[in-house]
Amino acid sequence: NPDPAQRDPRGFPPEREPEQAYRQYFFGPAMFDLRRILRRGQA
């Protein structure tokens, strides 16, 4: 799923960013995905 906002609404939605754009993957979403994968994997 390429849309971080659809993966989790607590991610990096553009409307909460200083600029109305999606973050580049390795500037936040990648670590967010890693934490989500680890939490889900642990559970």
PDB file of all heavy atoms in Angstrom:
ATOM      1  N   ASN A   1       0.856  -1.185   0.000  1.00  0.00           N
ATOM      2  CA  ASN A   1       0.000   0.000   0.000  1.00  0.00           C
ATOM      3  C   ASN A   1       0.891   1.233   0.000  1.00  0.00           C
ATOM      4  O   ASN A   1       1.558   1.517   0.999  1.00  0.00           O
ATOM      5  CB  ASN A   1      -0.897  -0.003   1.245  1.00  0.00           C
ATOM      6  CG  ASN A   1      -1.933   1.118   1.189  1.00  0.00           C
ATOM      7  OD1 ASN A   1      -1.840   2.008   0.359  1.00  0.00           O
ATOM      8  ND2 ASN A   1      -2.912   1.058   2.073  1.00  0.00           N
ATOM      9  N   PRO A   2       0.957   1.988  -1.097  1.00  0.00           N
ATOM     10  CA  PRO A   2       1.901   3.111  -1.180  1.00  0.00           C
ATOM     11  C   PRO A   2       1.477   4.340  -0.397  1.00  0.00           C
ATOM     12  O   PRO A   2       2.230   5.291  -0.315  1.00  0.00           O
ATOM     13  CB  PRO A   2       1.938   3.414  -2.688  1.00  0.00           C
ATOM     14  CG  PRO A   2       0.572   3.022  -3.166  1.00  0.00           C
ATOM     15  CD  PRO A   2       0.185   1.819  -2.332  1.00  0.00           C
ATOM     16  N   ASP A   3       0.268   4.354   0.131  1.00  0.00           N
ATOM     17  CA  ASP A   3      -0.251   5.540   0.799  1.00  0.00           C
ATOM     18  C   ASP A   3      -0.099   5.385   2.304  1.00  0.00           C
ATOM     19  O   ASP A   3      -0.820   4.611   2.932  1.00  0.00           O
ATOM     20  CB  ASP A   3      -1.723   5.747   0.436  1.00  0.00           C
ATOM     21  CG  ASP A   3      -2.231   7.105   0.914  1.00  0.00           C
ATOM     22  OD1 ASP A   3      -1.521   7.746   1.708  1.00  0.00           O
ATOM     23  OD2 ASP A   3      -3.321   7.510   0.489  1.00  0.00           O
ATOM     24  N   PRO A   4       0.840   6.122   2.954  1.00  0.00           N
ATOM     25  CA  PRO A   4       1.010   5.991   4.403  1.00  0.00           C
ATOM     26  C   PRO A   4      -0.250   6.340   5.175  1.00  0.00           C
ATOM     27  O   PRO A   4      -0.509   5.777   6.231  1.00  0.00           O
ATOM     28  CB  PRO A   4       2.147   6.975   4.717  1.00  0.00           C
ATOM     29  CG  PRO A   4       2.841   7.189   3.425  1.00  0.00           C
ATOM     30  CD  PRO A   4       1.790   7.051   2.365  1.00  0.00           C
ATOM     31  N   ALA A   5      -1.048   7.273   4.658  1.00  0.00           N
ATOM     32  CA  ALA A   5      -2.250   7.676   5.369  1.00  0.00           C
ATOM     33  C   ALA A   5      -3.266   6.536   5.424  1.00  0.00           C
ATOM     34  O   ALA A   5      -4.052   6.428   6.360  1.00  0.00           O
ATOM     35  CB  ALA A   5      -2.868   8.899   4.699  1.00  0.00           C
ATOM     36  N   GLN A   6      -3.279   5.671   4.404  1.00  0.00           N
ATOM     37  CA  GLN A   6      -4.195   4.543   4.403  1.00  0.00           C
ATOM     38  C   GLN A   6      -3.665   3.387   5.254  1.00  0.00           C
ATOM     39  O   GLN A   6      -4.435   2.571   5.745  1.00  0.00           O
ATOM     40  CB  GLN A   6      -4.438   4.069   2.960  1.00  0.00           C
ATOM     41  CG  GLN A   6      -5.177   5.091   2.110  1.00  0.00           C
ATOM     42  CD  GLN A   6      -5.426   4.580   0.709  1.00  0.00           C
ATOM     43  OE1 GLN A   6      -5.213   3.406   0.421  1.00  0.00           O
ATOM     44  NE2 GLN A   6      -5.870   5.474  -0.168  1.00  0.00           N
ATOM     45  N   ARG A   7      -2.353   3.331   5.437  1.00  0.00           N
ATOM     46  CA  ARG A   7      -1.810   2.287   6.300  1.00  0.00           C
ATOM     47  C   ARG A   7      -2.206   2.551   7.751  1.00  0.00           C
ATOM     48  O   ARG A   7      -2.542   1.642   8.490  1.00  0.00           O
ATOM     49  CB  ARG A   7      -0.284   2.262   6.190  1.00  0.00           C
ATOM     50  CG  ARG A   7       0.226   1.955   4.805  1.00  0.00           C
ATOM     51  CD  ARG A   7       1.742   2.086   4.786  1.00  0.00           C
ATOM     52  NE  ARG A   7       2.230   2.125   3.401  1.00  0.00           N
ATOM     53  CZ  ARG A   7       3.460   2.491   3.085  1.00  0.00           C
ATOM     54  NH1 ARG A   7       4.302   2.850   4.016  1.00  0.00           N
ATOM     55  NH2 ARG A   7       3.837   2.489   1.828  1.00  0.00           N
ATOM     56  N   ASP A   8      -2.135   3.825   8.122  1.00  0.00           N
ATOM     57  CA  ASP A   8      -2.496   4.183   9.484  1.00  0.00           C
ATOM     58  C   ASP A   8      -2.762   5.684   9.507  1.00  0.00           C
ATOM     59  O   ASP A   8      -1.893   6.467   9.101  1.00  0.00           O
ATOM     60  CB  ASP A   8      -1.365   3.829  10.450  1.00  0.00           C
ATOM     61  CG  ASP A   8      -1.835   3.887  11.902  1.00  0.00           C
ATOM     62  OD1 ASP A   8      -2.539   4.847  12.244  1.00  0.00           O
ATOM     63  OD2 ASP A   8      -1.498   2.972  12.668  1.00  0.00           O
ATOM     64  N   PRO A   9      -3.933   6.125   9.959  1.00  0.00           N
ATOM     65  CA  PRO A   9      -4.227   7.564   9.956  1.00  0.00           C
ATOM     66  C   PRO A   9      -3.297   8.374  10.844  1.00  0.00           C
ATOM     67  O   PRO A   9      -3.241   9.587  10.743  1.00  0.00           O
ATOM     68  CB  PRO A   9      -5.679   7.625  10.462  1.00  0.00           C
ATOM     69  CG  PRO A   9      -5.886   6.335  11.195  1.00  0.00           C
ATOM     70  CD  PRO A   9      -5.044   5.329  10.468  1.00  0.00           C
ATOM     71  N   ARG A  10      -2.550   7.699  11.714  1.00  0.00           N
ATOM     72  CA  ARG A  10      -1.606   8.416  12.562  1.00  0.00           C
ATOM     73  C   ARG A  10      -0.255   8.603  11.862  1.00  0.00           C
ATOM     74  O   ARG A  10       0.697   9.091  12.481  1.00  0.00           O
ATOM     75  CB  ARG A  10      -1.387   7.648  13.863  1.00  0.00           C
ATOM     76  CG  ARG A  10      -2.640   7.521  14.725  1.00  0.00           C
ATOM     77  CD  ARG A  10      -2.373   6.572  15.867  1.00  0.00           C
ATOM     78  NE  ARG A  10      -2.039   5.236  15.363  1.00  0.00           N
ATOM     79  CZ  ARG A  10      -1.595   4.254  16.140  1.00  0.00           C
ATOM     80  NH1 ARG A  10      -1.435   4.458  17.434  1.00  0.00           N
ATOM     81  NH2 ARG A  10      -1.316   3.064  15.623  1.00  0.00           N
ATOM     82  N   GLY A  11      -0.153   8.216  10.616  1.00  0.00           N
ATOM     83  CA  GLY A  11       1.112   8.296   9.893  1.00  0.00           C
ATOM     84  C   GLY A  11       1.491   9.721   9.549  1.00  0.00           C
ATOM     85  O   GLY A  11       1.626  10.575  10.414  1.00  0.00           O
ATOM     86  N   PHE A  12       1.674  10.017   8.262  1.00  0.00           N
ATOM     87  CA  PHE A  12       2.098  11.337   7.822  1.00  0.00           C
ATOM     88  C   PHE A  12       1.113  11.876   6.789  1.00  0.00           C
ATOM     89  O   PHE A  12       1.461  12.051   5.623  1.00  0.00           O
ATOM     90  CB  PHE A  12       3.515  11.269   7.235  1.00  0.00           C
ATOM     91  CG  PHE A  12       4.550  10.822   8.223  1.00  0.00           C
ATOM     92  CD1 PHE A  12       4.849   9.480   8.375  1.00  0.00           C
ATOM     93  CD2 PHE A  12       5.204  11.743   9.015  1.00  0.00           C
ATOM     94  CE1 PHE A  12       5.799   9.058   9.282  1.00  0.00           C
ATOM     95  CE2 PHE A  12       6.153  11.331   9.931  1.00  0.00           C
ATOM     96  CZ  PHE A  12       6.446   9.992  10.074  1.00  0.00           C
ATOM     97  N   PRO A  13      -0.118  12.179   7.165  1.00  0.00           N
ATOM     98  CA  PRO A  13      -1.094  12.712   6.204  1.00  0.00           C
ATOM     99  C   PRO A  13      -0.673  14.109   5.744  1.00  0.00           C
ATOM    100  O   PRO A  13      -0.188  14.920   6.551  1.00  0.00           O
ATOM    101  CB  PRO A  13      -2.393  12.761   7.008  1.00  0.00           C
ATOM    102  CG  PRO A  13      -1.965  12.814   8.435  1.00  0.00           C
ATOM    103  CD  PRO A  13      -0.703  12.018   8.512  1.00  0.00           C
ATOM    104  N   PRO A  14      -0.810  14.431   4.457  1.00  0.00           N
ATOM    105  CA  PRO A  14      -0.363  15.735   3.933  1.00  0.00           C
ATOM    106  C   PRO A  14      -1.020  16.919   4.635  1.00  0.00           C
ATOM    107  O   PRO A  14      -0.402  17.973   4.771  1.00  0.00           O
ATOM    108  CB  PRO A  14      -0.746  15.667   2.452  1.00  0.00           C
ATOM    109  CG  PRO A  14      -0.831  14.220   2.145  1.00  0.00           C
ATOM    110  CD  PRO A  14      -1.320  13.558   3.394  1.00  0.00           C
ATOM    111  N   GLU A  15      -2.270  16.762   5.065  1.00  0.00           N
ATOM    112  CA  GLU A  15      -2.956  17.903   5.680  1.00  0.00           C
ATOM    113  C   GLU A  15      -2.328  18.309   7.010  1.00  0.00           C
ATOM    114  O   GLU A  15      -2.580  19.414   7.506  1.00  0.00           O
ATOM    115  CB  GLU A  15      -4.437  17.586   5.882  1.00  0.00           C
ATOM    116  CG  GLU A  15      -4.729  16.377   6.745  1.00  0.00           C
ATOM    117  CD  GLU A  15      -4.801  15.093   5.940  1.00  0.00           C
ATOM    118  OE1 GLU A  15      -4.380  15.106   4.759  1.00  0.00           O
ATOM    119  OE2 GLU A  15      -5.286  14.086   6.480  1.00  0.00           O
ATOM    120  N   ARG A  16      -1.518  17.450   7.594  1.00  0.00           N
ATOM    121  CA  ARG A  16      -0.842  17.791   8.842  1.00  0.00           C
ATOM    122  C   ARG A  16       0.603  18.226   8.619  1.00  0.00           C
ATOM    123  O   ARG A  16       1.306  18.519   9.582  1.00  0.00           O
ATOM    124  CB  ARG A  16      -0.872  16.590   9.792  1.00  0.00           C
ATOM    125  CG  ARG A  16      -2.267  16.169  10.212  1.00  0.00           C
ATOM    126  CD  ARG A  16      -2.211  15.010  11.196  1.00  0.00           C
ATOM    127  NE  ARG A  16      -3.545  14.520  11.527  1.00  0.00           N
ATOM    128  CZ  ARG A  16      -3.784  13.462  12.307  1.00  0.00           C
ATOM    129  NH1 ARG A  16      -2.747  12.802  12.833  1.00  0.00           N
ATOM    130  NH2 ARG A  16      -5.011  13.070  12.565  1.00  0.00           N
ATOM    131  N   GLU A  17       1.029  18.251   7.403  1.00  0.00           N
ATOM    132  CA  GLU A  17       2.399  18.624   7.076  1.00  0.00           C
ATOM    133  C   GLU A  17       2.496  20.135   6.829  1.00  0.00           C
ATOM    134  O   GLU A  17       1.511  20.773   6.443  1.00  0.00           O
ATOM    135  CB  GLU A  17       2.876  17.882   5.835  1.00  0.00           C
ATOM    136  CG  GLU A  17       3.051  16.389   6.030  1.00  0.00           C
ATOM    137  CD  GLU A  17       4.241  16.058   6.910  1.00  0.00           C
ATOM    138  OE1 GLU A  17       5.266  16.756   6.842  1.00  0.00           O
ATOM    139  OE2 GLU A  17       4.139  15.105   7.701  1.00  0.00           O
ATOM    140  N   PRO A  18       3.672  20.724   7.027  1.00  0.00           N
ATOM    141  CA  PRO A  18       3.857  22.141   6.685  1.00  0.00           C
ATOM    142  C   PRO A  18       3.561  22.424   5.223  1.00  0.00           C
ATOM    143  O   PRO A  18       3.126  23.526   4.877  1.00  0.00           O
ATOM    144  CB  PRO A  18       5.335  22.392   7.023  1.00  0.00           C
ATOM    145  CG  PRO A  18       5.678  21.358   8.036  1.00  0.00           C
ATOM    146  CD  PRO A  18       4.867  20.146   7.667  1.00  0.00           C
ATOM    147  N   GLU A  19       3.830  21.448   4.363  1.00  0.00           N
ATOM    148  CA  GLU A  19       3.497  21.579   2.950  1.00  0.00           C
ATOM    149  C   GLU A  19       2.524  20.474   2.576  1.00  0.00           C
ATOM    150  O   GLU A  19       2.609  19.355   3.079  1.00  0.00           O
ATOM    151  CB  GLU A  19       4.759  21.492   2.082  1.00  0.00           C
ATOM    152  CG  GLU A  19       5.726  22.622   2.357  1.00  0.00           C
ATOM    153  CD  GLU A  19       6.524  23.003   1.136  1.00  0.00           C
ATOM    154  OE1 GLU A  19       6.158  22.565   0.028  1.00  0.00           O
ATOM    155  OE2 GLU A  19       7.498  23.737   1.287  1.00  0.00           O
ATOM    156  N   GLN A  20       1.619  20.788   1.692  1.00  0.00           N
ATOM    157  CA  GLN A  20       0.568  19.851   1.312  1.00  0.00           C
ATOM    158  C   GLN A  20       1.110  18.798   0.358  1.00  0.00           C
ATOM    159  O   GLN A  20       0.776  18.767  -0.830  1.00  0.00           O
ATOM    160  CB  GLN A  20      -0.591  20.608   0.663  1.00  0.00           C
ATOM    161  CG  GLN A  20      -1.266  21.604   1.587  1.00  0.00           C
ATOM    162  CD  GLN A  20      -2.079  20.909   2.667  1.00  0.00           C
ATOM    163  OE1 GLN A  20      -3.040  20.206   2.383  1.00  0.00           O
ATOM    164  NE2 GLN A  20      -1.710  21.097   3.920  1.00  0.00           N
ATOM    165  N   ALA A  21       1.953  17.922   0.893  1.00  0.00           N
ATOM    166  CA  ALA A  21       2.577  16.892   0.066  1.00  0.00           C
ATOM    167  C   ALA A  21       2.909  15.693   0.939  1.00  0.00           C
ATOM    168  O   ALA A  21       3.013  15.796   2.168  1.00  0.00           O
ATOM    169  CB  ALA A  21       3.843  17.431  -0.603  1.00  0.00           C
ATOM    170  N   TYR A  22       3.062  14.549   0.275  1.00  0.00           N
ATOM    171  CA  TYR A  22       3.459  13.329   0.971  1.00  0.00           C
ATOM    172  C   TYR A  22       4.968  13.337   1.196  1.00  0.00           C
ATOM    173  O   TYR A  22       5.728  13.729   0.312  1.00  0.00           O
ATOM    174  CB  TYR A  22       3.083  12.097   0.151  1.00  0.00           C
ATOM    175  CG  TYR A  22       1.590  11.842   0.073  1.00  0.00           C
ATOM    176  CD1 TYR A  22       0.853  12.281  -1.021  1.00  0.00           C
ATOM    177  CD2 TYR A  22       0.933  11.166   1.085  1.00  0.00           C
ATOM    178  CE1 TYR A  22      -0.508  12.051  -1.095  1.00  0.00           C
ATOM    179  CE2 TYR A  22      -0.436  10.928   1.014  1.00  0.00           C
ATOM    180  CZ  TYR A  22      -1.149  11.373  -0.079  1.00  0.00           C
ATOM    181  OH  TYR A  22      -2.494  11.160  -0.144  1.00  0.00           O
ATOM    182  N   ARG A  23       5.356  12.874   2.352  1.00  0.00           N
ATOM    183  CA  ARG A  23       6.783  12.799   2.646  1.00  0.00           C
ATOM    184  C   ARG A  23       7.465  11.756   1.769  1.00  0.00           C
ATOM    185  O   ARG A  23       6.874  10.742   1.419  1.00  0.00           O
ATOM    186  CB  ARG A  23       7.005  12.429   4.108  1.00  0.00           C
ATOM    187  CG  ARG A  23       6.742  13.555   5.085  1.00  0.00           C
ATOM    188  CD  ARG A  23       7.475  13.299   6.364  1.00  0.00           C
ATOM    189  NE  ARG A  23       7.126  14.244   7.401  1.00  0.00           N
ATOM    190  CZ  ARG A  23       7.789  14.368   8.529  1.00  0.00           C
ATOM    191  NH1 ARG A  23       8.836  13.581   8.766  1.00  0.00           N
ATOM    192  NH2 ARG A  23       7.430  15.244   9.444  1.00  0.00           N
ATOM    193  N   GLN A  24       8.729  12.049   1.451  1.00  0.00           N
ATOM    194  CA  GLN A  24       9.539  11.047   0.776  1.00  0.00           C
ATOM    195  C   GLN A  24       9.684   9.855   1.717  1.00  0.00           C
ATOM    196  O   GLN A  24       9.786  10.018   2.934  1.00  0.00           O
ATOM    197  CB  GLN A  24      10.909  11.641   0.432  1.00  0.00           C
ATOM    198  CG  GLN A  24      11.642  10.916  -0.669  1.00  0.00           C
ATOM    199  CD  GLN A  24      12.551   9.828  -0.132  1.00  0.00           C
ATOM    200  OE1 GLN A  24      12.791   9.750   1.068  1.00  0.00           O
ATOM    201  NE2 GLN A  24      13.042   8.986  -1.015  1.00  0.00           N
ATOM    202  N   TYR A  25       9.664   8.623   1.177  1.00  0.00           N
ATOM    203  CA  TYR A  25       9.513   7.434   1.992  1.00  0.00           C
ATOM    204  C   TYR A  25      10.557   7.315   3.089  1.00  0.00           C
ATOM    205  O   TYR A  25      10.248   6.894   4.212  1.00  0.00           O
ATOM    206  CB  TYR A  25       9.549   6.184   1.095  1.00  0.00           C
ATOM    207  CG  TYR A  25       9.262   4.911   1.862  1.00  0.00           C
ATOM    208  CD1 TYR A  25       7.989   4.659   2.358  1.00  0.00           C
ATOM    209  CD2 TYR A  25      10.271   3.997   2.106  1.00  0.00           C
ATOM    210  CE1 TYR A  25       7.718   3.503   3.081  1.00  0.00           C
ATOM    211  CE2 TYR A  25      10.017   2.836   2.823  1.00  0.00           C
ATOM    212  CZ  TYR A  25       8.738   2.596   3.307  1.00  0.00           C
ATOM    213  OH  TYR A  25       8.483   1.469   4.038  1.00  0.00           O
ATOM    214  N   PHE A  26      11.791   7.700   2.791  1.00  0.00           N
ATOM    215  CA  PHE A  26      12.860   7.519   3.767  1.00  0.00           C
ATOM    216  C   PHE A  26      13.015   8.710   4.700  1.00  0.00           C
ATOM    217  O   PHE A  26      14.023   8.838   5.388  1.00  0.00           O
ATOM    218  CB  PHE A  26      14.179   7.227   3.054  1.00  0.00           C
ATOM    219  CG  PHE A  26      14.171   5.915   2.328  1.00  0.00           C
ATOM    220  CD1 PHE A  26      14.148   5.870   0.938  1.00  0.00           C
ATOM    221  CD2 PHE A  26      14.149   4.722   3.023  1.00  0.00           C
ATOM    222  CE1 PHE A  26      14.123   4.659   0.263  1.00  0.00           C
ATOM    223  CE2 PHE A  26      14.122   3.505   2.366  1.00  0.00           C
ATOM    224  CZ  PHE A  26      14.102   3.476   0.989  1.00  0.00           C
ATOM    225  N   PHE A  27      12.034   9.607   4.733  1.00  0.00           N
ATOM    226  CA  PHE A  27      12.031  10.736   5.658  1.00  0.00           C
ATOM    227  C   PHE A  27      10.851  10.629   6.621  1.00  0.00           C
ATOM    228  O   PHE A  27      10.095  11.574   6.801  1.00  0.00           O
ATOM    229  CB  PHE A  27      11.979  12.055   4.887  1.00  0.00           C
ATOM    230  CG  PHE A  27      13.294  12.473   4.315  1.00  0.00           C
ATOM    231  CD1 PHE A  27      13.760  11.896   3.146  1.00  0.00           C
ATOM    232  CD2 PHE A  27      14.083  13.416   4.938  1.00  0.00           C
ATOM    233  CE1 PHE A  27      14.972  12.258   2.605  1.00  0.00           C
ATOM    234  CE2 PHE A  27      15.298  13.786   4.414  1.00  0.00           C
ATOM    235  CZ  PHE A  27      15.756  13.211   3.243  1.00  0.00           C
ATOM    236  N   GLY A  28      10.699   9.474   7.223  1.00  0.00           N
ATOM    237  CA  GLY A  28       9.642   9.282   8.210  1.00  0.00           C
ATOM    238  C   GLY A  28       8.792   8.067   7.966  1.00  0.00           C
ATOM    239  O   GLY A  28       8.679   7.196   8.848  1.00  0.00           O
ATOM    240  N   PRO A  29       8.144   7.937   6.807  1.00  0.00           N
ATOM    241  CA  PRO A  29       7.277   6.780   6.581  1.00  0.00           C
ATOM    242  C   PRO A  29       7.983   5.436   6.696  1.00  0.00           C
ATOM    243  O   PRO A  29       7.376   4.458   7.139  1.00  0.00           O
ATOM    244  CB  PRO A  29       6.756   7.020   5.155  1.00  0.00           C
ATOM    245  CG  PRO A  29       6.791   8.500   4.990  1.00  0.00           C
ATOM    246  CD  PRO A  29       8.001   8.951   5.747  1.00  0.00           C
ATOM    247  N   ALA A  30       9.255   5.361   6.318  1.00  0.00           N
ATOM    248  CA  ALA A  30       9.964   4.079   6.392  1.00  0.00           C
ATOM    249  C   ALA A  30      10.085   3.611   7.838  1.00  0.00           C
ATOM    250  O   ALA A  30       9.808   2.443   8.157  1.00  0.00           O
ATOM    251  CB  ALA A  30      11.354   4.202   5.753  1.00  0.00           C
ATOM    252  N   MET A  31      10.476   4.478   8.749  1.00  0.00           N
ATOM    253  CA  MET A  31      10.574   4.110  10.159  1.00  0.00           C
ATOM    254  C   MET A  31       9.196   3.866  10.758  1.00  0.00           C
ATOM    255  O   MET A  31       9.021   2.990  11.616  1.00  0.00           O
ATOM    256  CB  MET A  31      11.296   5.216  10.938  1.00  0.00           C
ATOM    257  CG  MET A  31      12.771   5.353  10.601  1.00  0.00           C
ATOM    258  SD  MET A  31      13.708   3.831  10.912  1.00  0.00           S
ATOM    259  CE  MET A  31      13.519   3.662  12.681  1.00  0.00           C
ATOM    260  N   PHE A  32       8.219   4.635  10.304  1.00  0.00           N
ATOM    261  CA  PHE A  32       6.853   4.402  10.771  1.00  0.00           C
ATOM    262  C   PHE A  32       6.383   3.007  10.361  1.00  0.00           C
ATOM    263  O   PHE A  32       5.782   2.269  11.159  1.00  0.00           O
ATOM    264  CB  PHE A  32       5.928   5.471  10.177  1.00  0.00           C
ATOM    265  CG  PHE A  32       4.491   5.309  10.558  1.00  0.00           C
ATOM    266  CD1 PHE A  32       4.021   5.773  11.772  1.00  0.00           C
ATOM    267  CD2 PHE A  32       3.592   4.692   9.695  1.00  0.00           C
ATOM    268  CE1 PHE A  32       2.692   5.624  12.120  1.00  0.00           C
ATOM    269  CE2 PHE A  32       2.272   4.536  10.043  1.00  0.00           C
ATOM    270  CZ  PHE A  32       1.817   5.006  11.258  1.00  0.00           C
ATOM    271  N   ASP A  33       6.675   2.630   9.120  1.00  0.00           N
ATOM    272  CA  ASP A  33       6.313   1.281   8.662  1.00  0.00           C
ATOM    273  C   ASP A  33       7.055   0.211   9.458  1.00  0.00           C
ATOM    274  O   ASP A  33       6.485  -0.834   9.793  1.00  0.00           O
ATOM    275  CB  ASP A  33       6.629   1.133   7.166  1.00  0.00           C
ATOM    276  CG  ASP A  33       5.600   1.836   6.304  1.00  0.00           C
ATOM    277  OD1 ASP A  33       4.539   2.193   6.822  1.00  0.00           O
ATOM    278  OD2 ASP A  33       5.868   2.026   5.103  1.00  0.00           O
ATOM    279  N   LEU A  34       8.337   0.458   9.748  1.00  0.00           N
ATOM    280  CA  LEU A  34       9.105  -0.525  10.509  1.00  0.00           C
ATOM    281  C   LEU A  34       8.502  -0.743  11.899  1.00  0.00           C
ATOM    282  O   LEU A  34       8.347  -1.885  12.345  1.00  0.00           O
ATOM    283  CB  LEU A  34      10.559  -0.065  10.622  1.00  0.00           C
ATOM    284  CG  LEU A  34      11.465  -0.949  11.489  1.00  0.00           C
ATOM    285  CD1 LEU A  34      11.530  -2.367  10.942  1.00  0.00           C
ATOM    286  CD2 LEU A  34      12.861  -0.348  11.598  1.00  0.00           C
ATOM    287  N   ARG A  35       8.166   0.360  12.564  1.00  0.00           N
ATOM    288  CA  ARG A  35       7.555   0.214  13.891  1.00  0.00           C
ATOM    289  C   ARG A  35       6.222  -0.518  13.803  1.00  0.00           C
ATOM    290  O   ARG A  35       5.915  -1.365  14.653  1.00  0.00           O
ATOM    291  CB  ARG A  35       7.360   1.594  14.520  1.00  0.00           C
ATOM    292  CG  ARG A  35       8.647   2.274  14.951  1.00  0.00           C
ATOM    293  CD  ARG A  35       8.360   3.486  15.820  1.00  0.00           C
ATOM    294  NE  ARG A  35       7.621   4.509  15.086  1.00  0.00           N
ATOM    295  CZ  ARG A  35       8.199   5.497  14.432  1.00  0.00           C
ATOM    296  NH1 ARG A  35       9.531   5.585  14.384  1.00  0.00           N
ATOM    297  NH2 ARG A  35       7.479   6.405  13.798  1.00  0.00           N
ATOM    298  N   ARG A  36       5.473  -0.212  12.782  1.00  0.00           N
ATOM    299  CA  ARG A  36       4.175  -0.884  12.634  1.00  0.00           C
ATOM    300  C   ARG A  36       4.364  -2.374  12.349  1.00  0.00           C
ATOM    301  O   ARG A  36       3.652  -3.233  12.882  1.00  0.00           O
ATOM    302  CB  ARG A  36       3.401  -0.231  11.490  1.00  0.00           C
ATOM    303  CG  ARG A  36       1.984  -0.742  11.314  1.00  0.00           C
ATOM    304  CD  ARG A  36       1.220   0.172  10.375  1.00  0.00           C
ATOM    305  NE  ARG A  36      -0.156  -0.275  10.242  1.00  0.00           N
ATOM    306  CZ  ARG A  36      -0.587  -1.116   9.319  1.00  0.00           C
ATOM    307  NH1 ARG A  36       0.266  -1.614   8.451  1.00  0.00           N
ATOM    308  NH2 ARG A  36      -1.859  -1.464   9.242  1.00  0.00           N
ATOM    309  N   ILE A  37       5.336  -2.706  11.491  1.00  0.00           N
ATOM    310  CA  ILE A  37       5.603  -4.118  11.174  1.00  0.00           C
ATOM    311  C   ILE A  37       6.064  -4.865  12.426  1.00  0.00           C
ATOM    312  O   ILE A  37       5.630  -5.988  12.696  1.00  0.00           O
ATOM    313  CB  ILE A  37       6.661  -4.209  10.059  1.00  0.00           C
ATOM    314  CG1 ILE A  37       6.076  -3.714   8.737  1.00  0.00           C
ATOM    315  CG2 ILE A  37       7.169  -5.636   9.903  1.00  0.00           C
ATOM    316  CD1 ILE A  37       7.108  -3.541   7.640  1.00  0.00           C
ATOM    317  N   LEU A  38       6.948  -4.219  13.224  1.00  0.00           N
ATOM    318  CA  LEU A  38       7.441  -4.881  14.437  1.00  0.00           C
ATOM    319  C   LEU A  38       6.331  -5.073  15.460  1.00  0.00           C
ATOM    320  O   LEU A  38       6.238  -6.128  16.101  1.00  0.00           O
ATOM    321  CB  LEU A  38       8.588  -4.063  15.037  1.00  0.00           C
ATOM    322  CG  LEU A  38       9.888  -4.013  14.214  1.00  0.00           C
ATOM    323  CD1 LEU A  38      10.920  -3.146  14.902  1.00  0.00           C
ATOM    324  CD2 LEU A  38      10.432  -5.421  13.980  1.00  0.00           C
ATOM    325  N   ARG A  39       5.490  -4.053  15.617  1.00  0.00           N
ATOM    326  CA  ARG A  39       4.386  -4.202  16.571  1.00  0.00           C
ATOM    327  C   ARG A  39       3.431  -5.306  16.128  1.00  0.00           C
ATOM    328  O   ARG A  39       3.006  -6.154  16.928  1.00  0.00           O
ATOM    329  CB  ARG A  39       3.636  -2.879  16.714  1.00  0.00           C
ATOM    330  CG  ARG A  39       4.366  -1.826  17.520  1.00  0.00           C
ATOM    331  CD  ARG A  39       3.427  -0.716  17.938  1.00  0.00           C
ATOM    332  NE  ARG A  39       2.859  -0.046  16.785  1.00  0.00           N
ATOM    333  CZ  ARG A  39       3.350   1.057  16.238  1.00  0.00           C
ATOM    334  NH1 ARG A  39       4.447   1.603  16.749  1.00  0.00           N
ATOM    335  NH2 ARG A  39       2.769   1.611  15.186  1.00  0.00           N
ATOM    336  N   ARG A  40       3.104  -5.298  14.841  1.00  0.00           N
ATOM    337  CA  ARG A  40       2.199  -6.331  14.330  1.00  0.00           C
ATOM    338  C   ARG A  40       2.864  -7.704  14.381  1.00  0.00           C
ATOM    339  O   ARG A  40       2.226  -8.713  14.726  1.00  0.00           O
ATOM    340  CB  ARG A  40       1.798  -5.984  12.891  1.00  0.00           C
ATOM    341  CG  ARG A  40       0.766  -6.933  12.303  1.00  0.00           C
ATOM    342  CD  ARG A  40      -0.564  -6.811  13.029  1.00  0.00           C
ATOM    343  NE  ARG A  40      -1.541  -7.714  12.466  1.00  0.00           N
ATOM    344  CZ  ARG A  40      -2.317  -7.425  11.429  1.00  0.00           C
ATOM    345  NH1 ARG A  40      -2.220  -6.221  10.848  1.00  0.00           N
ATOM    346  NH2 ARG A  40      -3.202  -8.285  10.986  1.00  0.00           N
ATOM    347  N   GLY A  41       4.158  -7.758  14.051  1.00  0.00           N
ATOM    348  CA  GLY A  41       4.864  -9.032  14.103  1.00  0.00           C
ATOM    349  C   GLY A  41       4.954  -9.568  15.516  1.00  0.00           C
ATOM    350  O   GLY A  41       4.803 -10.781  15.745  1.00  0.00           O
ATOM    351  N   GLN A  42       5.210  -8.676  16.484  1.00  0.00           N
ATOM    352  CA  GLN A  42       5.264  -9.118  17.878  1.00  0.00           C
ATOM    353  C   GLN A  42       3.916  -9.653  18.337  1.00  0.00           C
ATOM    354  O   GLN A  42       3.832 -10.720  18.965  1.00  0.00           O
ATOM    355  CB  GLN A  42       5.699  -7.958  18.770  1.00  0.00           C
ATOM    356  CG  GLN A  42       5.785  -8.321  20.250  1.00  0.00           C
ATOM    357  CD  GLN A  42       6.144  -7.111  21.096  1.00  0.00           C
ATOM    358  OE1 GLN A  42       6.132  -5.975  20.634  1.00  0.00           O
ATOM    359  NE2 GLN A  42       6.454  -7.364  22.354  1.00  0.00           N
ATOM    360  N   ALA A  43       2.862  -8.926  17.995  1.00  0.00           N
ATOM    361  CA  ALA A  43       1.524  -9.376  18.403  1.00  0.00           C
ATOM    362  C   ALA A  43       1.180 -10.707  17.746  1.00  0.00           C
ATOM    363  O   ALA A  43       0.661 -11.636  18.410  1.00  0.00           O
ATOM    364  CB  ALA A  43       0.489  -8.318  18.043  1.00  0.00           C
TER     365      ALA A  43
END
